[in-house]
Amino acid sequence: MKPRIKILLLAVLIAALCNCMLMIGMTKKKENNTIPKDASLICEETVSPNKDYITDEKDLVNYTVRVYQEKNNDIIVYAESNSPLFDEAQYIVTCDHTITADDIQIKWTTLMGSTEASEKDEIGLAHVSISKDGEVFNEKTISFVAKAVNAVTDVIG
């Protein structure tokens, strides 16, 4: 089988697995929020990868990325979802200056890299860029579907 067909087949399998798990209506225990009380929310974005494809509102999935700044200027990037395929995650970026929402860019893409989602290629990645004076000094990608991808690759071998 050609490598391109294998990749496409894997992407379709992952999307199907995600949809199946979401339809089952699995729930997960929320972890404790570890954002310090004195941190300021700088930016927040929420997307729903399946809002156009569901028939029941209880099946709606949301992915949220929040960017906070502490008093010492460190930046906390926090991600959460109501999906059982994602556990809360965060990372800290050391910073020596104050940032604003204009310094944060969150680009949502599918696993195939497209910014245009479809039912078979849903949004699953958040590319978070933090800049100062137009120069990006931190860039990371948050995968909201890594658990599903790992489950599929474990099965495929």
Protein backbone atom coordinates (compact mmCIF):
# COMPACT_ATOMS: atom_id res chain seq x y z
CA MET A 1 0.00 0.00 0.00
CA LYS A 2 1.31 3.45 -0.84
CA PRO A 3 2.46 5.60 2.13
CA ARG A 4 0.02 8.38 1.22
CA ILE A 5 -2.92 5.96 1.30
CA LYS A 6 -1.74 4.57 4.64
CA ILE A 7 -1.65 8.08 6.14
CA LEU A 8 -5.11 8.88 4.80
CA LEU A 9 -6.46 5.58 6.10
CA LEU A 10 -4.93 6.25 9.52
CA ALA A 11 -6.48 9.75 9.61
CA VAL A 12 -9.91 8.35 8.71
CA LEU A 13 -9.57 5.64 11.38
CA ILE A 14 -8.61 8.23 13.98
CA ALA A 15 -11.54 10.46 13.07
CA ALA A 16 -13.92 7.49 13.21
CA LEU A 17 -12.55 6.43 16.60
CA CYS A 18 -12.93 9.98 17.94
CA ASN A 19 -16.51 10.16 16.73
CA CYS A 20 -17.38 6.76 18.20
CA MET A 21 -15.93 7.60 21.60
CA LEU A 22 -17.69 10.96 21.65
CA MET A 23 -21.02 9.40 20.73
CA ILE A 24 -20.76 6.91 23.56
CA GLY A 25 -20.91 9.89 25.90
CA MET A 26 -17.97 8.97 28.07
CA THR A 27 -17.30 11.24 31.00
CA LYS A 28 -14.10 11.90 32.86
CA LYS A 29 -13.13 13.16 36.25
CA LYS A 30 -11.92 16.77 36.18
CA GLU A 31 -8.52 17.44 37.66
CA ASN A 32 -7.88 20.32 40.00
CA ASN A 33 -7.20 23.59 38.24
CA THR A 34 -3.61 24.60 38.97
CA ILE A 35 -3.81 28.23 37.86
CA PRO A 36 -2.64 30.55 40.67
CA LYS A 37 -5.36 32.84 41.99
CA ASP A 38 -3.26 35.95 41.28
CA ALA A 39 -2.70 35.05 37.59
CA SER A 40 -4.47 37.26 35.04
CA LEU A 41 -6.35 35.78 32.11
CA ILE A 42 -4.84 37.28 28.95
CA CYS A 43 -6.51 35.26 26.21
CA GLU A 44 -9.11 32.49 25.88
CA GLU A 45 -10.33 30.62 22.81
CA THR A 46 -12.79 27.76 22.57
CA VAL A 47 -13.65 25.72 19.50
CA SER A 48 -15.98 22.79 18.93
CA PRO A 49 -14.70 20.23 16.45
CA ASN A 50 -18.05 18.51 16.04
CA LYS A 51 -20.72 21.21 16.44
CA ASP A 52 -21.77 20.94 12.79
CA TYR A 53 -22.05 17.14 12.87
CA ILE A 54 -23.99 16.28 16.04
CA THR A 55 -27.70 15.75 16.48
CA ASP A 56 -27.77 15.87 20.28
CA GLU A 57 -26.34 18.81 22.24
CA LYS A 58 -24.95 16.44 24.91
CA ASP A 59 -22.49 15.15 22.32
CA LEU A 60 -20.97 18.61 21.78
CA VAL A 61 -17.19 18.65 22.35
CA ASN A 62 -15.29 21.82 23.24
CA TYR A 63 -11.56 22.47 23.23
CA THR A 64 -10.38 25.49 25.22
CA VAL A 65 -6.99 27.18 25.47
CA ARG A 66 -6.43 29.88 28.09
CA VAL A 67 -3.31 31.98 28.48
CA TYR A 68 -2.59 33.53 31.87
CA GLN A 69 0.20 35.74 33.15
CA GLU A 70 1.46 35.65 36.71
CA LYS A 71 2.67 38.67 38.66
CA ASN A 72 6.30 37.61 38.02
CA ASN A 73 5.44 37.71 34.25
CA ASP A 74 5.63 33.95 33.76
CA ILE A 75 3.00 32.78 31.28
CA ILE A 76 0.76 29.75 31.87
CA VAL A 77 -0.85 28.11 28.86
CA TYR A 78 -3.72 25.90 30.00
CA ALA A 79 -5.81 23.56 27.85
CA GLU A 80 -8.98 21.67 28.71
CA SER A 81 -11.78 19.80 27.01
CA ASN A 82 -14.97 18.00 27.93
CA SER A 83 -13.78 15.13 25.70
CA PRO A 84 -12.72 11.86 27.33
CA LEU A 85 -9.86 11.81 24.82
CA PHE A 86 -8.11 14.74 26.49
CA ASP A 87 -6.80 15.36 30.00
CA GLU A 88 -6.20 18.89 31.22
CA ALA A 89 -2.73 20.12 30.35
CA GLN A 90 -0.62 23.17 30.95
CA TYR A 91 2.87 24.48 30.46
CA ILE A 92 4.76 27.51 31.79
CA VAL A 93 6.77 29.93 29.69
CA THR A 94 9.36 32.05 31.51
CA CYS A 95 8.87 35.67 30.55
CA ASP A 96 10.39 39.00 31.68
CA HIS A 97 7.71 41.36 30.35
CA THR A 98 3.97 41.90 30.33
CA ILE A 99 2.00 40.48 27.41
CA THR A 100 -1.38 41.36 25.94
CA ALA A 101 -3.94 39.39 23.94
CA ASP A 102 -2.33 40.84 20.79
CA ASP A 103 0.85 38.90 21.63
CA ILE A 104 -0.99 35.56 21.59
CA GLN A 105 -1.98 33.67 18.46
CA ILE A 106 -3.89 30.39 18.60
CA LYS A 107 -4.25 28.63 15.27
CA TRP A 108 -6.61 25.66 15.22
CA THR A 109 -5.93 22.89 12.69
CA THR A 110 -6.93 19.35 11.83
CA LEU A 111 -4.54 16.41 12.17
CA MET A 112 -3.90 16.72 8.45
CA GLY A 113 -2.82 20.36 8.97
CA SER A 114 -5.83 22.08 7.45
CA THR A 115 -7.58 25.05 9.05
CA GLU A 116 -10.76 23.95 7.25
CA ALA A 117 -12.40 21.10 9.16
CA SER A 118 -14.68 18.40 7.81
CA GLU A 119 -16.59 15.56 9.42
CA LYS A 120 -13.73 13.17 8.58
CA ASP A 121 -10.93 15.62 9.43
CA GLU A 122 -11.97 17.51 12.55
CA ILE A 123 -10.05 20.20 14.42
CA GLY A 124 -7.71 18.54 16.91
CA LEU A 125 -4.63 20.73 17.31
CA ALA A 126 -4.04 24.17 18.79
CA HIS A 127 -0.84 25.91 17.70
CA VAL A 128 -0.07 28.52 20.38
CA SER A 129 2.40 31.30 19.56
CA ILE A 130 3.52 33.98 22.01
CA SER A 131 5.38 37.00 20.71
CA LYS A 132 6.93 40.28 21.75
CA ASP A 133 7.08 43.18 19.30
CA GLY A 134 6.06 40.81 16.49
CA GLU A 135 8.85 38.29 17.24
CA VAL A 136 7.64 34.84 18.33
CA PHE A 137 9.56 33.68 21.40
CA ASN A 138 7.50 30.60 22.24
CA GLU A 139 5.52 28.25 20.04
CA LYS A 140 3.96 24.92 20.99
CA THR A 141 1.27 22.63 19.65
CA ILE A 142 -1.38 21.15 21.91
CA SER A 143 -2.97 17.94 20.65
CA PHE A 144 -6.52 17.41 21.86
CA VAL A 145 -6.61 13.97 20.20
CA ALA A 146 -3.27 12.44 21.21
CA LYS A 147 -4.94 9.73 23.31
CA ALA A 148 -7.01 8.60 20.32
CA VAL A 149 -3.99 8.64 18.02
CA ASN A 150 -1.97 6.59 20.53
CA ALA A 151 -4.83 4.10 20.92
CA VAL A 152 -5.09 3.61 17.17
CA THR A 153 -1.34 3.28 16.64
CA ASP A 154 -1.15 0.77 19.51
CA VAL A 155 -3.83 -1.34 17.80
CA ILE A 156 -2.27 -1.06 14.35
CA GLY A 157 1.18 -1.73 15.74
